[in-house]
């Protein structure tokens, strides 16, 4: 069965980011980001309407403070009352799901995009992604990095500046580089 490069990307399979369809999607996302990031003076309702134009899903009360950057936007799902502070980046080559009432500090990077470890594949420009799931009522401190394939459970806390390389259980606090779950 034939799969487009976009279908491969969304499925987490190796894909070519130079594909014309993906390049057009990124160009559209870049134009959307220019409008969104210029919307600081707009009402929250107008900004939410802009979010709904690009995001896969936007729950009631979701807020992203500009400036905001993403690869595509259509792979991002924001639950109800999600809050992302200034300067957040989401590389959404595959699904990034952020649960209800999650709060994300300034400068957080959520990176679903990945690259082959094999240098020959990397030299060919092949990429892939791994979905990221962030549960409900999670708090992620400023400057944290969430790496490909990570799941963060409901009610977890991620410390400022943490580099989250592996799953964090529900209710846990993780901090450091690499992030480690704090023992009670």
C-alpha atoms as a PDB file:
ATOM      1  CA  UNK A   1       0.000   0.000   0.000  1.00  0.00           C
ATOM      2  CA  UNK A   2       1.361   3.392  -0.995  1.00  0.00           C
ATOM      3  CA  UNK A   3       1.844   5.965   1.754  1.00  0.00           C
ATOM      4  CA  UNK A   4       2.556   9.610   1.109  1.00  0.00           C
ATOM      5  CA  UNK A   5       5.478  11.212   2.943  1.00  0.00           C
ATOM      6  CA  UNK A   6       2.904  13.048   5.071  1.00  0.00           C
ATOM      7  CA  UNK A   7       1.211   9.762   6.030  1.00  0.00           C
ATOM      8  CA  UNK A   8       4.609   8.251   6.872  1.00  0.00           C
ATOM      9  CA  UNK A   9       5.511  11.290   8.996  1.00  0.00           C
ATOM     10  CA  UNK A  10       2.267  11.247  10.968  1.00  0.00           C
ATOM     11  CA  UNK A  11       2.632   7.479  11.500  1.00  0.00           C
ATOM     12  CA  UNK A  12       6.142   7.846  12.936  1.00  0.00           C
ATOM     13  CA  UNK A  13       7.801   6.138   9.972  1.00  0.00           C
ATOM     14  CA  UNK A  14      10.941   7.434   8.258  1.00  0.00           C
ATOM     15  CA  UNK A  15       9.991  10.152   5.767  1.00  0.00           C
ATOM     16  CA  UNK A  16      11.541  12.794   3.531  1.00  0.00           C
ATOM     17  CA  UNK A  17      10.945  16.309   4.940  1.00  0.00           C
ATOM     18  CA  UNK A  18      11.735  17.796   1.518  1.00  0.00           C
ATOM     19  CA  UNK A  19       8.550  16.314   0.063  1.00  0.00           C
ATOM     20  CA  UNK A  20       6.559  19.040  -1.771  1.00  0.00           C
ATOM     21  CA  UNK A  21       3.354  18.374   0.212  1.00  0.00           C
ATOM     22  CA  UNK A  22       5.227  18.690   3.515  1.00  0.00           C
ATOM     23  CA  UNK A  23       7.043  21.802   2.301  1.00  0.00           C
ATOM     24  CA  UNK A  24       3.674  23.358   1.415  1.00  0.00           C
ATOM     25  CA  UNK A  25       2.301  22.381   4.849  1.00  0.00           C
ATOM     26  CA  UNK A  26       5.289  24.036   6.537  1.00  0.00           C
ATOM     27  CA  UNK A  27       4.895  27.173   4.423  1.00  0.00           C
ATOM     28  CA  UNK A  28       1.221  27.372   5.451  1.00  0.00           C
ATOM     29  CA  UNK A  29       2.212  26.890   9.102  1.00  0.00           C
ATOM     30  CA  UNK A  30       4.817  29.653   8.782  1.00  0.00           C
ATOM     31  CA  UNK A  31       2.196  32.054   7.393  1.00  0.00           C
ATOM     32  CA  UNK A  32      -0.220  31.076  10.156  1.00  0.00           C
ATOM     33  CA  UNK A  33       2.467  31.631  12.842  1.00  0.00           C
ATOM     34  CA  UNK A  34       3.166  35.116  11.472  1.00  0.00           C
ATOM     35  CA  UNK A  35      -0.543  35.983  11.900  1.00  0.00           C
ATOM     36  CA  UNK A  36      -0.797  34.290  15.290  1.00  0.00           C
ATOM     37  CA  UNK A  37       2.367  35.838  16.685  1.00  0.00           C
ATOM     38  CA  UNK A  38       1.173  39.285  15.558  1.00  0.00           C
ATOM     39  CA  UNK A  39      -2.094  38.759  17.470  1.00  0.00           C
ATOM     40  CA  UNK A  40      -0.882  39.935  20.902  1.00  0.00           C
ATOM     41  CA  UNK A  41      -3.383  42.802  20.933  1.00  0.00           C
ATOM     42  CA  UNK A  42      -6.238  40.560  19.822  1.00  0.00           C
ATOM     43  CA  UNK A  43      -8.854  39.273  22.205  1.00  0.00           C
ATOM     44  CA  UNK A  44      -8.443  35.774  23.667  1.00  0.00           C
ATOM     45  CA  UNK A  45     -11.447  34.669  21.577  1.00  0.00           C
ATOM     46  CA  UNK A  46      -9.816  35.903  18.361  1.00  0.00           C
ATOM     47  CA  UNK A  47      -6.557  34.107  19.237  1.00  0.00           C
ATOM     48  CA  UNK A  48      -8.457  30.896  20.020  1.00  0.00           C
ATOM     49  CA  UNK A  49     -10.193  31.182  16.629  1.00  0.00           C
ATOM     50  CA  UNK A  50      -6.740  31.485  15.036  1.00  0.00           C
ATOM     51  CA  UNK A  51      -5.588  28.387  16.955  1.00  0.00           C
ATOM     52  CA  UNK A  52      -8.575  26.456  15.655  1.00  0.00           C
ATOM     53  CA  UNK A  53      -7.580  27.340  12.083  1.00  0.00           C
ATOM     54  CA  UNK A  54      -4.312  25.405  12.403  1.00  0.00           C
ATOM     55  CA  UNK A  55      -4.365  22.996  15.355  1.00  0.00           C
ATOM     56  CA  UNK A  56      -5.737  19.464  15.232  1.00  0.00           C
ATOM     57  CA  UNK A  57      -7.903  20.188  18.274  1.00  0.00           C
ATOM     58  CA  UNK A  58      -8.347  23.152  20.623  1.00  0.00           C
ATOM     59  CA  UNK A  59     -10.315  22.686  23.837  1.00  0.00           C
ATOM     60  CA  UNK A  60     -12.412  25.433  25.410  1.00  0.00           C
ATOM     61  CA  UNK A  61     -10.302  27.929  27.313  1.00  0.00           C
ATOM     62  CA  UNK A  62      -6.984  26.834  25.735  1.00  0.00           C
ATOM     63  CA  UNK A  63      -4.437  29.663  25.543  1.00  0.00           C
ATOM     64  CA  UNK A  64      -1.070  29.937  23.808  1.00  0.00           C
ATOM     65  CA  UNK A  65       0.746  33.202  24.438  1.00  0.00           C
ATOM     66  CA  UNK A  66       2.656  34.429  21.390  1.00  0.00           C
ATOM     67  CA  UNK A  67       5.285  34.047  20.210  1.00  0.00           C
ATOM     68  CA  UNK A  68       4.674  30.381  19.487  1.00  0.00           C
ATOM     69  CA  UNK A  69       6.384  28.119  16.962  1.00  0.00           C
ATOM     70  CA  UNK A  70       5.495  24.727  15.498  1.00  0.00           C
ATOM     71  CA  UNK A  71       6.298  22.611  12.445  1.00  0.00           C
ATOM     72  CA  UNK A  72       2.778  21.950  11.165  1.00  0.00           C
ATOM     73  CA  UNK A  73       0.188  22.620  13.874  1.00  0.00           C
ATOM     74  CA  UNK A  74      -2.314  20.047  12.631  1.00  0.00           C
ATOM     75  CA  UNK A  75      -0.744  17.303  14.782  1.00  0.00           C
ATOM     76  CA  UNK A  76      -1.231  19.268  18.027  1.00  0.00           C
ATOM     77  CA  UNK A  77      -4.199  18.500  20.278  1.00  0.00           C
ATOM     78  CA  UNK A  78      -4.864  20.903  23.149  1.00  0.00           C
ATOM     79  CA  UNK A  79      -7.302  19.915  25.882  1.00  0.00           C
ATOM     80  CA  UNK A  80      -9.624  22.189  27.803  1.00  0.00           C
ATOM     81  CA  UNK A  81      -7.968  25.092  29.689  1.00  0.00           C
ATOM     82  CA  UNK A  82      -4.443  24.232  28.473  1.00  0.00           C
ATOM     83  CA  UNK A  83      -2.019  27.140  28.915  1.00  0.00           C
ATOM     84  CA  UNK A  84       1.293  27.611  27.079  1.00  0.00           C
ATOM     85  CA  UNK A  85       3.339  30.634  28.070  1.00  0.00           C
ATOM     86  CA  UNK A  86       5.549  32.772  25.790  1.00  0.00           C
ATOM     87  CA  UNK A  87       8.160  31.281  23.425  1.00  0.00           C
ATOM     88  CA  UNK A  88       7.019  27.667  23.379  1.00  0.00           C
ATOM     89  CA  UNK A  89       8.071  25.412  20.493  1.00  0.00           C
ATOM     90  CA  UNK A  90       6.277  22.237  19.412  1.00  0.00           C
ATOM     91  CA  UNK A  91       7.864  20.138  16.680  1.00  0.00           C
ATOM     92  CA  UNK A  92       4.745  18.226  15.720  1.00  0.00           C
ATOM     93  CA  UNK A  93       5.812  15.845  12.966  1.00  0.00           C
ATOM     94  CA  UNK A  94       3.466  13.361  14.624  1.00  0.00           C
ATOM     95  CA  UNK A  95       0.821  13.691  17.305  1.00  0.00           C
ATOM     96  CA  UNK A  96       1.424  15.864  20.355  1.00  0.00           C
ATOM     97  CA  UNK A  97      -1.464  15.515  22.786  1.00  0.00           C
ATOM     98  CA  UNK A  98      -1.698  17.907  25.757  1.00  0.00           C
ATOM     99  CA  UNK A  99      -4.383  17.074  28.337  1.00  0.00           C
ATOM    100  CA  UNK A 100      -6.936  19.304  30.027  1.00  0.00           C
ATOM    101  CA  UNK A 101      -5.726  21.957  32.483  1.00  0.00           C
ATOM    102  CA  UNK A 102      -2.046  21.416  31.746  1.00  0.00           C
ATOM    103  CA  UNK A 103       0.158  24.474  32.294  1.00  0.00           C
ATOM    104  CA  UNK A 104       3.367  24.917  30.332  1.00  0.00           C
ATOM    105  CA  UNK A 105       5.940  27.549  31.283  1.00  0.00           C
ATOM    106  CA  UNK A 106       7.812  29.942  28.998  1.00  0.00           C
ATOM    107  CA  UNK A 107      10.417  28.625  26.596  1.00  0.00           C
ATOM    108  CA  UNK A 108       9.328  24.979  26.827  1.00  0.00           C
ATOM    109  CA  UNK A 109      10.176  22.809  23.817  1.00  0.00           C
ATOM    110  CA  UNK A 110       8.098  19.738  22.981  1.00  0.00           C
ATOM    111  CA  UNK A 111      10.029  17.836  20.328  1.00  0.00           C
ATOM    112  CA  UNK A 112       8.315  14.906  18.593  1.00  0.00           C
ATOM    113  CA  UNK A 113      10.788  15.151  15.679  1.00  0.00           C
ATOM    114  CA  UNK A 114      13.758  12.791  15.654  1.00  0.00           C
ATOM    115  CA  UNK A 115      16.619  11.765  13.373  1.00  0.00           C
ATOM    116  CA  UNK A 116      18.247   8.430  12.571  1.00  0.00           C
ATOM    117  CA  UNK A 117      21.226   7.420  14.657  1.00  0.00           C
ATOM    118  CA  UNK A 118      22.812   5.864  11.556  1.00  0.00           C
ATOM    119  CA  UNK A 119      25.005   8.545   9.925  1.00  0.00           C
ATOM    120  CA  UNK A 120      24.275   7.346   6.360  1.00  0.00           C
ATOM    121  CA  UNK A 121      20.509   7.659   6.855  1.00  0.00           C
ATOM    122  CA  UNK A 122      20.965  11.012   8.556  1.00  0.00           C
ATOM    123  CA  UNK A 123      23.061  12.222   5.599  1.00  0.00           C
ATOM    124  CA  UNK A 124      20.173  11.293   3.275  1.00  0.00           C
ATOM    125  CA  UNK A 125      17.954  13.739   5.171  1.00  0.00           C
ATOM    126  CA  UNK A 126      15.578  11.071   6.450  1.00  0.00           C
ATOM    127  CA  UNK A 127      13.591  11.989   9.574  1.00  0.00           C
ATOM    128  CA  UNK A 128      10.939  10.357  11.759  1.00  0.00           C
ATOM    129  CA  UNK A 129       8.931  11.222  14.816  1.00  0.00           C
ATOM    130  CA  UNK A 130       7.581   9.703  17.989  1.00  0.00           C
ATOM    131  CA  UNK A 131       4.285  10.911  19.498  1.00  0.00           C
ATOM    132  CA  UNK A 132       4.283  12.815  22.777  1.00  0.00           C
ATOM    133  CA  UNK A 133       1.447  12.530  25.288  1.00  0.00           C
ATOM    134  CA  UNK A 134       1.158  14.968  28.176  1.00  0.00           C
ATOM    135  CA  UNK A 135      -1.611  14.085  30.617  1.00  0.00           C
ATOM    136  CA  UNK A 136      -4.182  16.184  32.409  1.00  0.00           C
ATOM    137  CA  UNK A 137      -3.290  18.795  35.041  1.00  0.00           C
ATOM    138  CA  UNK A 138       0.453  18.578  34.352  1.00  0.00           C
ATOM    139  CA  UNK A 139       2.732  21.499  35.211  1.00  0.00           C
ATOM    140  CA  UNK A 140       5.867  21.923  33.086  1.00  0.00           C
ATOM    141  CA  UNK A 141       8.349  24.534  34.331  1.00  0.00           C
ATOM    142  CA  UNK A 142       9.999  27.094  32.075  1.00  0.00           C
ATOM    143  CA  UNK A 143      12.744  25.998  29.722  1.00  0.00           C
ATOM    144  CA  UNK A 144      11.994  22.281  29.971  1.00  0.00           C
ATOM    145  CA  UNK A 145      12.623  20.000  26.974  1.00  0.00           C
ATOM    146  CA  UNK A 146      10.267  17.100  26.277  1.00  0.00           C
ATOM    147  CA  UNK A 147      11.926  14.648  23.874  1.00  0.00           C
ATOM    148  CA  UNK A 148      10.375  12.329  21.247  1.00  0.00           C
ATOM    149  CA  UNK A 149       8.180   9.470  22.405  1.00  0.00           C
ATOM    150  CA  UNK A 150       7.721  10.671  25.993  1.00  0.00           C
ATOM    151  CA  UNK A 151       4.481  10.213  27.936  1.00  0.00           C
ATOM    152  CA  UNK A 152       3.907  12.344  31.024  1.00  0.00           C
ATOM    153  CA  UNK A 153       1.151  11.076  33.316  1.00  0.00           C
ATOM    154  CA  UNK A 154      -1.729  13.062  34.802  1.00  0.00           C
ATOM    155  CA  UNK A 155      -0.903  15.452  37.674  1.00  0.00           C
ATOM    156  CA  UNK A 156       2.887  15.209  37.108  1.00  0.00           C
ATOM    157  CA  UNK A 157       5.264  18.135  37.645  1.00  0.00           C
ATOM    158  CA  UNK A 158       8.287  18.733  35.405  1.00  0.00           C
ATOM    159  CA  UNK A 159      10.896  21.048  36.920  1.00  0.00           C
ATOM    160  CA  UNK A 160      12.149  24.139  35.133  1.00  0.00           C
ATOM    161  CA  UNK A 161      14.991  23.333  32.747  1.00  0.00           C
ATOM    162  CA  UNK A 162      14.402  19.560  32.938  1.00  0.00           C
ATOM    163  CA  UNK A 163      15.306  17.431  29.922  1.00  0.00           C
ATOM    164  CA  UNK A 164      12.653  14.707  29.837  1.00  0.00           C
ATOM    165  CA  UNK A 165      14.063  11.708  27.962  1.00  0.00           C
ATOM    166  CA  UNK A 166      11.724   8.998  29.287  1.00  0.00           C
ATOM    167  CA  UNK A 167       8.171   8.574  30.547  1.00  0.00           C
ATOM    168  CA  UNK A 168       7.120  10.242  33.793  1.00  0.00           C
ATOM    169  CA  UNK A 169       4.441   8.445  35.858  1.00  0.00           C
ATOM    170  CA  UNK A 170       1.189  10.089  36.947  1.00  0.00           C
ATOM    171  CA  UNK A 171       1.598  12.267  40.021  1.00  0.00           C
ATOM    172  CA  UNK A 172       5.413  12.205  39.904  1.00  0.00           C
ATOM    173  CA  UNK A 173       7.825  15.149  40.006  1.00  0.00           C
ATOM    174  CA  UNK A 174      10.745  14.953  37.573  1.00  0.00           C
ATOM    175  CA  UNK A 175      13.662  17.367  37.347  1.00  0.00           C
ATOM    176  CA  UNK A 176      17.231  17.651  36.138  1.00  0.00           C
ATOM    177  CA  UNK A 177      19.201  16.732  33.034  1.00  0.00           C
ATOM    178  CA  UNK A 178      18.315  14.075  32.237  1.00  0.00           C
ATOM    179  CA  UNK A 179      15.120  14.369  34.231  1.00  0.00           C
ATOM    180  CA  UNK A 180      14.769  11.926  37.088  1.00  0.00           C
ATOM    181  CA  UNK A 181      11.690  11.246  39.150  1.00  0.00           C
ATOM    182  CA  UNK A 182      12.062  12.732  42.609  1.00  0.00           C
ATOM    183  CA  UNK A 183      11.714  10.126  45.340  1.00  0.00           C
ATOM    184  CA  UNK A 184       9.148  10.939  48.028  1.00  0.00           C
END
